[in-house]
Structures are given as structure tokens and as C-alpha cells.
Amino acid sequence: MSGGRDAILQSIRSRKLGAAPKPDVYSAPKTQGDLAESFAKKLSAQFADVRMLDSMADVPAAVADILRGKNMALRVHVAPDSTVGAMGSVEVLREPPGQFDAAVTEVPFAIAETGTLAYAAAKGRPASWHFRPVLEIAILRRADIVPELEDVLTRLGTLPSTLNLVSGPSRTGDIEQTMELGAHGPKSLAVLVIKE
């Protein structure tokens, strides 16, 4: 039996042509043009509400408008270490949100190529705030929108313990193959892009 095996292996060895050629290196083209517009277009296609604001001074009115549009109380949960301050007519609670609450979060980075928010784990940015509330209102500075994921990793320098990538409200098709929003996170996502 080993004679036949040896003959087959010798036949394979004799046909060996050397090392396989290396494949061409492929790099996807970087997102061109206005990164904020590209980001907004991609994320809006994923059922998110994206609004462009001139400055942080416009945030309280936008948050109130979003809450009213969802028939929710004018109340949001904000992380204790967040730089988000008073919200005018909107009550700010500095405690973890429940599953029927709204939370305002600050986004360190966003990816224009895919319309994705990138949350790096850090003090003052608990991951649970992105998954527990029924509505997440994310504040993003236009300068923090980068072309692609690799740019986020470059800006971070060292990898955080967790990097959550969010591209719209949570959804699943696990239940009878029917699309469900809010199964594993926020049912609604609004992003306020600040131009300043």
C-alpha cells in the first residue's frame, strides 16, 4: 500500500512549480468629497435620523425636537463624565438609562465609507449606554468623521479594550425571518453632526 502512496506523492512533487505568485495588493478607494455628506447618506440609508447642526448651541433644540417626534418625555440620560451640559427644556439625568429611555452620547469617531459610529471604550463612555435605551441621540463633531476604519485605528494609536461599531438602529432577522428593530439595542438612532 505504501508503494502506491509513494508513487502518488512523488508524482505531485515532480509537478511542483515553486512558490505561488503573490496576489496583487488591493486597497479600496478612499471615500472622496465631503465626508460628512457621505457619512450622513450611508447612515440615513440604515434608518438613522442624521441632522447637521452649526454648533453645540443647537443641540438642546434638536434633542427636544427628536424627543417630541418620538412622543417621548423631554428627558435624556447622559453619562456622568460627559461634556454634554444643560439642555434647555430637556431634563438631563446623569444615571444609566433603562430600556425605555433616551440617552445622549458623544461619539469619538465616525466612518464615512460605511456610515458607522465608532465608540472606543473609555472612562465616561460606558458601552451599555449604546445598547440599553430605546433611543440613542449621538453627538458627533464633523472633524471626527474619517474616510475609513483604518483611519479610526490610526487615530486611536493603541487599541481600546472594546471598539463598538454602530451602523444604525439595532436590528435582527432571527425571529421568523422578519426584520425587527431594537432587538439588541436602540430601536431608534439619531446623530447630530456638529459643524464647528
C-alpha atoms as a PDB file:
ATOM      1  CA  MET A   1       0.000   0.000   0.000  1.00  0.00           C
ATOM      2  CA  SER A   2       2.748   2.409   0.756  1.00  0.00           C
ATOM      3  CA  GLY A   3       4.231   1.876  -2.735  1.00  0.00           C
ATOM      4  CA  GLY A   4       1.099   3.343  -4.374  1.00  0.00           C
ATOM      5  CA  ARG A   5       1.034   6.183  -1.899  1.00  0.00           C
ATOM      6  CA  ASP A   6       4.693   6.929  -2.505  1.00  0.00           C
ATOM      7  CA  ALA A   7       4.131   6.935  -6.274  1.00  0.00           C
ATOM      8  CA  ILE A   8       1.282   9.440  -5.968  1.00  0.00           C
ATOM      9  CA  LEU A   9       3.265  11.739  -3.678  1.00  0.00           C
ATOM     10  CA  GLN A  10       6.325  11.523  -5.965  1.00  0.00           C
ATOM     11  CA  SER A  11       4.118  12.463  -8.925  1.00  0.00           C
ATOM     12  CA  ILE A  12       2.819  15.508  -7.039  1.00  0.00           C
ATOM     13  CA  ARG A  13       6.336  16.546  -6.000  1.00  0.00           C
ATOM     14  CA  SER A  14       7.634  16.299  -9.556  1.00  0.00           C
ATOM     15  CA  ARG A  15       4.937  18.690 -10.773  1.00  0.00           C
ATOM     16  CA  LYS A  16       5.603  21.290  -8.101  1.00  0.00           C
ATOM     17  CA  LEU A  17       6.402  24.544  -9.868  1.00  0.00           C
ATOM     18  CA  GLY A  18       7.754  26.525  -6.938  1.00  0.00           C
ATOM     19  CA  ALA A  19       6.151  29.164  -4.800  1.00  0.00           C
ATOM     20  CA  ALA A  20       2.794  30.528  -5.862  1.00  0.00           C
ATOM     21  CA  PRO A  21       2.876  34.123  -7.076  1.00  0.00           C
ATOM     22  CA  LYS A  22       1.843  36.708  -4.520  1.00  0.00           C
ATOM     23  CA  PRO A  23      -1.580  38.197  -5.203  1.00  0.00           C
ATOM     24  CA  ASP A  24      -1.844  41.847  -6.108  1.00  0.00           C
ATOM     25  CA  VAL A  25      -2.369  44.107  -3.126  1.00  0.00           C
ATOM     26  CA  TYR A  26      -5.837  45.613  -3.228  1.00  0.00           C
ATOM     27  CA  SER A  27      -6.827  48.759  -1.452  1.00  0.00           C
ATOM     28  CA  ALA A  28     -10.352  50.073  -1.695  1.00  0.00           C
ATOM     29  CA  PRO A  29     -10.533  53.645  -2.894  1.00  0.00           C
ATOM     30  CA  LYS A  30     -10.822  56.162  -0.067  1.00  0.00           C
ATOM     31  CA  THR A  31     -14.086  57.994   0.334  1.00  0.00           C
ATOM     32  CA  GLN A  32     -13.820  61.205  -1.648  1.00  0.00           C
ATOM     33  CA  GLY A  33     -15.595  64.541  -1.316  1.00  0.00           C
ATOM     34  CA  ASP A  34     -17.434  65.802   1.736  1.00  0.00           C
ATOM     35  CA  LEU A  35     -17.007  63.147   4.426  1.00  0.00           C
ATOM     36  CA  ALA A  36     -19.968  64.439   6.456  1.00  0.00           C
ATOM     37  CA  GLU A  37     -22.311  64.194   3.460  1.00  0.00           C
ATOM     38  CA  SER A  38     -21.086  60.705   2.615  1.00  0.00           C
ATOM     39  CA  PHE A  39     -21.447  59.603   6.252  1.00  0.00           C
ATOM     40  CA  ALA A  40     -24.971  61.061   6.516  1.00  0.00           C
ATOM     41  CA  LYS A  41     -26.100  59.429   3.260  1.00  0.00           C
ATOM     42  CA  LYS A  42     -24.827  55.977   4.278  1.00  0.00           C
ATOM     43  CA  LEU A  43     -26.187  56.130   7.845  1.00  0.00           C
ATOM     44  CA  SER A  44     -29.563  57.555   6.779  1.00  0.00           C
ATOM     45  CA  ALA A  45     -29.961  54.542   4.484  1.00  0.00           C
ATOM     46  CA  GLN A  46     -29.792  52.391   7.651  1.00  0.00           C
ATOM     47  CA  PHE A  47     -32.877  54.031   9.234  1.00  0.00           C
ATOM     48  CA  ALA A  48     -30.989  56.596  11.315  1.00  0.00           C
ATOM     49  CA  ASP A  49     -32.013  60.248  11.672  1.00  0.00           C
ATOM     50  CA  VAL A  50     -28.948  62.359  10.785  1.00  0.00           C
ATOM     51  CA  ARG A  51     -29.054  66.123  11.332  1.00  0.00           C
ATOM     52  CA  MET A  52     -26.391  68.709  10.543  1.00  0.00           C
ATOM     53  CA  LEU A  53     -26.089  71.454  13.188  1.00  0.00           C
ATOM     54  CA  ASP A  54     -23.993  74.611  13.118  1.00  0.00           C
ATOM     55  CA  SER A  55     -22.811  74.431  16.736  1.00  0.00           C
ATOM     56  CA  MET A  56     -23.272  72.769  20.127  1.00  0.00           C
ATOM     57  CA  ALA A  57     -25.666  75.609  20.982  1.00  0.00           C
ATOM     58  CA  ASP A  58     -28.160  73.998  18.554  1.00  0.00           C
ATOM     59  CA  VAL A  59     -28.103  70.621  20.330  1.00  0.00           C
ATOM     60  CA  PRO A  60     -30.795  71.262  23.017  1.00  0.00           C
ATOM     61  CA  ALA A  61     -33.420  72.312  20.448  1.00  0.00           C
ATOM     62  CA  ALA A  62     -32.568  69.358  18.179  1.00  0.00           C
ATOM     63  CA  VAL A  63     -32.771  66.901  21.094  1.00  0.00           C
ATOM     64  CA  ALA A  64     -36.150  68.328  22.162  1.00  0.00           C
ATOM     65  CA  ASP A  65     -37.413  68.070  18.562  1.00  0.00           C
ATOM     66  CA  ILE A  66     -36.304  64.430  18.292  1.00  0.00           C
ATOM     67  CA  LEU A  67     -37.946  63.517  21.619  1.00  0.00           C
ATOM     68  CA  ARG A  68     -41.201  65.244  20.656  1.00  0.00           C
ATOM     69  CA  GLY A  69     -41.155  63.446  17.303  1.00  0.00           C
ATOM     70  CA  LYS A  70     -40.978  60.114  19.148  1.00  0.00           C
ATOM     71  CA  ASN A  71     -43.666  61.128  21.691  1.00  0.00           C
ATOM     72  CA  MET A  72     -41.130  60.760  24.496  1.00  0.00           C
ATOM     73  CA  ALA A  73     -40.749  62.775  27.675  1.00  0.00           C
ATOM     74  CA  LEU A  74     -38.318  65.697  27.435  1.00  0.00           C
ATOM     75  CA  ARG A  75     -35.738  63.764  29.440  1.00  0.00           C
ATOM     76  CA  VAL A  76     -32.405  62.205  28.468  1.00  0.00           C
ATOM     77  CA  HIS A  77     -29.761  60.182  30.246  1.00  0.00           C
ATOM     78  CA  VAL A  78     -26.191  61.451  29.903  1.00  0.00           C
ATOM     79  CA  ALA A  79     -23.041  59.739  31.209  1.00  0.00           C
ATOM     80  CA  PRO A  80     -21.741  61.329  34.436  1.00  0.00           C
ATOM     81  CA  ASP A  81     -18.364  62.218  32.863  1.00  0.00           C
ATOM     82  CA  SER A  82     -19.877  63.532  29.624  1.00  0.00           C
ATOM     83  CA  THR A  83     -19.102  67.057  28.447  1.00  0.00           C
ATOM     84  CA  VAL A  84     -22.765  67.455  27.456  1.00  0.00           C
ATOM     85  CA  GLY A  85     -24.253  70.122  29.693  1.00  0.00           C
ATOM     86  CA  ALA A  86     -27.692  71.633  30.227  1.00  0.00           C
ATOM     87  CA  MET A  87     -30.288  71.014  27.533  1.00  0.00           C
ATOM     88  CA  GLY A  88     -32.743  73.874  27.982  1.00  0.00           C
ATOM     89  CA  SER A  89     -36.251  72.411  28.265  1.00  0.00           C
ATOM     90  CA  VAL A  90     -34.891  68.844  28.260  1.00  0.00           C
ATOM     91  CA  GLU A  91     -34.192  67.321  31.679  1.00  0.00           C
ATOM     92  CA  VAL A  92     -30.712  65.775  31.935  1.00  0.00           C
ATOM     93  CA  LEU A  93     -30.291  62.719  34.169  1.00  0.00           C
ATOM     94  CA  ARG A  94     -26.753  61.574  34.911  1.00  0.00           C
ATOM     95  CA  GLU A  95     -27.621  57.958  35.581  1.00  0.00           C
ATOM     96  CA  PRO A  96     -27.751  54.839  33.390  1.00  0.00           C
ATOM     97  CA  PRO A  97     -30.712  54.653  31.012  1.00  0.00           C
ATOM     98  CA  GLY A  98     -33.356  51.962  31.162  1.00  0.00           C
ATOM     99  CA  GLN A  99     -34.705  50.124  28.141  1.00  0.00           C
ATOM    100  CA  PHE A 100     -37.481  52.675  27.521  1.00  0.00           C
ATOM    101  CA  ASP A 101     -35.328  55.783  27.967  1.00  0.00           C
ATOM    102  CA  ALA A 102     -33.429  58.106  25.660  1.00  0.00           C
ATOM    103  CA  ALA A 103     -29.688  58.617  26.037  1.00  0.00           C
ATOM    104  CA  VAL A 104     -27.386  61.287  24.643  1.00  0.00           C
ATOM    105  CA  THR A 105     -23.894  60.028  23.856  1.00  0.00           C
ATOM    106  CA  GLU A 106     -20.722  61.552  22.459  1.00  0.00           C
ATOM    107  CA  VAL A 107     -19.088  59.777  19.525  1.00  0.00           C
ATOM    108  CA  PRO A 108     -15.284  59.858  19.303  1.00  0.00           C
ATOM    109  CA  PHE A 109     -15.176  58.842  15.610  1.00  0.00           C
ATOM    110  CA  ALA A 110     -17.356  58.055  12.612  1.00  0.00           C
ATOM    111  CA  ILE A 111     -16.559  56.292   9.342  1.00  0.00           C
ATOM    112  CA  ALA A 112     -17.767  57.981   6.141  1.00  0.00           C
ATOM    113  CA  GLU A 113     -17.246  54.910   3.935  1.00  0.00           C
ATOM    114  CA  THR A 114     -19.892  52.877   5.780  1.00  0.00           C
ATOM    115  CA  GLY A 115     -21.910  55.428   7.781  1.00  0.00           C
ATOM    116  CA  THR A 116     -20.683  53.899  11.030  1.00  0.00           C
ATOM    117  CA  LEU A 117     -20.228  55.339  14.518  1.00  0.00           C
ATOM    118  CA  ALA A 118     -17.087  54.075  16.278  1.00  0.00           C
ATOM    119  CA  TYR A 119     -17.200  54.036  20.073  1.00  0.00           C
ATOM    120  CA  ALA A 120     -13.872  53.316  21.759  1.00  0.00           C
ATOM    121  CA  ALA A 121     -14.135  52.171  25.357  1.00  0.00           C
ATOM    122  CA  ALA A 122     -13.076  54.944  27.695  1.00  0.00           C
ATOM    123  CA  LYS A 123     -13.877  56.426  31.069  1.00  0.00           C
ATOM    124  CA  GLY A 124     -17.113  58.366  30.745  1.00  0.00           C
ATOM    125  CA  ARG A 125     -18.307  56.347  27.731  1.00  0.00           C
ATOM    126  CA  PRO A 126     -19.939  53.204  29.121  1.00  0.00           C
ATOM    127  CA  ALA A 127     -20.787  50.731  26.336  1.00  0.00           C
ATOM    128  CA  SER A 128     -24.166  49.974  27.915  1.00  0.00           C
ATOM    129  CA  TRP A 129     -25.349  53.478  27.013  1.00  0.00           C
ATOM    130  CA  HIS A 130     -25.315  52.485  23.335  1.00  0.00           C
ATOM    131  CA  PHE A 131     -27.339  49.313  23.809  1.00  0.00           C
ATOM    132  CA  ARG A 132     -29.871  49.827  26.625  1.00  0.00           C
ATOM    133  CA  PRO A 133     -32.000  52.846  25.661  1.00  0.00           C
ATOM    134  CA  VAL A 134     -34.823  52.691  23.146  1.00  0.00           C
ATOM    135  CA  LEU A 135     -33.451  55.909  21.590  1.00  0.00           C
ATOM    136  CA  GLU A 136     -29.821  56.936  21.296  1.00  0.00           C
ATOM    137  CA  ILE A 137     -29.029  60.513  20.291  1.00  0.00           C
ATOM    138  CA  ALA A 138     -25.357  60.663  19.354  1.00  0.00           C
ATOM    139  CA  ILE A 139     -23.369  63.892  19.164  1.00  0.00           C
ATOM    140  CA  LEU A 140     -20.593  63.836  16.574  1.00  0.00           C
ATOM    141  CA  ARG A 141     -18.188  66.603  15.613  1.00  0.00           C
ATOM    142  CA  ARG A 142     -17.704  66.912  11.866  1.00  0.00           C
ATOM    143  CA  ALA A 143     -13.901  66.892  12.353  1.00  0.00           C
ATOM    144  CA  ASP A 144     -14.170  63.381  13.848  1.00  0.00           C
ATOM    145  CA  ILE A 145     -15.537  61.838  10.636  1.00  0.00           C
ATOM    146  CA  VAL A 146     -12.779  59.867   8.905  1.00  0.00           C
ATOM    147  CA  PRO A 147     -12.766  58.137   5.491  1.00  0.00           C
ATOM    148  CA  GLU A 148     -12.470  54.505   6.657  1.00  0.00           C
ATOM    149  CA  LEU A 149     -11.988  52.162   9.626  1.00  0.00           C
ATOM    150  CA  GLU A 150      -8.206  52.143   9.237  1.00  0.00           C
ATOM    151  CA  ASP A 151      -8.220  55.895   9.946  1.00  0.00           C
ATOM    152  CA  VAL A 152     -10.050  55.282  13.238  1.00  0.00           C
ATOM    153  CA  LEU A 153      -7.420  52.732  14.247  1.00  0.00           C
ATOM    154  CA  THR A 154      -4.624  55.140  13.311  1.00  0.00           C
ATOM    155  CA  ARG A 155      -6.154  57.951  15.378  1.00  0.00           C
ATOM    156  CA  LEU A 156      -6.649  55.658  18.360  1.00  0.00           C
ATOM    157  CA  GLY A 157      -2.990  54.649  18.406  1.00  0.00           C
ATOM    158  CA  THR A 158      -3.377  51.761  20.843  1.00  0.00           C
ATOM    159  CA  LEU A 159      -6.410  49.543  20.652  1.00  0.00           C
ATOM    160  CA  PRO A 160      -9.026  50.089  23.369  1.00  0.00           C
ATOM    161  CA  SER A 161     -10.455  47.162  25.312  1.00  0.00           C
ATOM    162  CA  THR A 162     -13.618  47.472  23.225  1.00  0.00           C
ATOM    163  CA  LEU A 163     -14.460  49.145  19.926  1.00  0.00           C
ATOM    164  CA  ASN A 164     -18.190  49.173  19.151  1.00  0.00           C
ATOM    165  CA  LEU A 165     -19.205  49.914  15.568  1.00  0.00           C
ATOM    166  CA  VAL A 166     -22.789  51.123  15.156  1.00  0.00           C
ATOM    167  CA  SER A 167     -24.403  51.489  11.730  1.00  0.00           C
ATOM    168  CA  GLY A 168     -28.000  52.385  12.516  1.00  0.00           C
ATOM    169  CA  PRO A 169     -30.579  51.116  14.990  1.00  0.00           C
ATOM    170  CA  SER A 170     -30.229  47.566  16.276  1.00  0.00           C
ATOM    171  CA  ARG A 171     -31.947  45.034  14.057  1.00  0.00           C
ATOM    172  CA  THR A 172     -32.252  41.301  13.600  1.00  0.00           C
ATOM    173  CA  GLY A 173     -33.987  38.869  11.274  1.00  0.00           C
ATOM    174  CA  ASP A 174     -33.760  35.945  13.714  1.00  0.00           C
ATOM    175  CA  ILE A 175     -37.450  35.984  14.596  1.00  0.00           C
ATOM    176  CA  GLU A 176     -39.328  34.158  11.826  1.00  0.00           C
ATOM    177  CA  GLN A 177     -37.017  35.829   9.272  1.00  0.00           C
ATOM    178  CA  THR A 178     -38.829  39.136   9.855  1.00  0.00           C
ATOM    179  CA  MET A 179     -36.740  42.281  10.312  1.00  0.00           C
ATOM    180  CA  GLU A 180     -37.104  43.592  13.865  1.00  0.00           C
ATOM    181  CA  LEU A 181     -35.689  46.931  15.019  1.00  0.00           C
ATOM    182  CA  GLY A 182     -34.469  47.328  18.598  1.00  0.00           C
ATOM    183  CA  ALA A 183     -33.922  43.655  19.375  1.00  0.00           C
ATOM    184  CA  HIS A 184     -30.400  44.045  20.790  1.00  0.00           C
ATOM    185  CA  GLY A 185     -30.035  47.784  21.239  1.00  0.00           C
ATOM    186  CA  PRO A 186     -31.676  51.102  20.433  1.00  0.00           C
ATOM    187  CA  LYS A 187     -34.798  50.942  18.309  1.00  0.00           C
ATOM    188  CA  SER A 188     -34.039  54.466  17.080  1.00  0.00           C
ATOM    189  CA  LEU A 189     -30.775  56.256  16.409  1.00  0.00           C
ATOM    190  CA  ALA A 190     -30.370  59.976  15.804  1.00  0.00           C
ATOM    191  CA  VAL A 191     -26.997  61.558  15.060  1.00  0.00           C
ATOM    192  CA  LEU A 192     -26.322  65.266  15.451  1.00  0.00           C
ATOM    193  CA  VAL A 193     -23.307  66.257  13.343  1.00  0.00           C
ATOM    194  CA  ILE A 194     -21.788  69.483  14.688  1.00  0.00           C
ATOM    195  CA  LYS A 195     -20.065  71.618  12.051  1.00  0.00           C
ATOM    196  CA  GLU A 196     -17.885  73.695  14.406  1.00  0.00           C
END
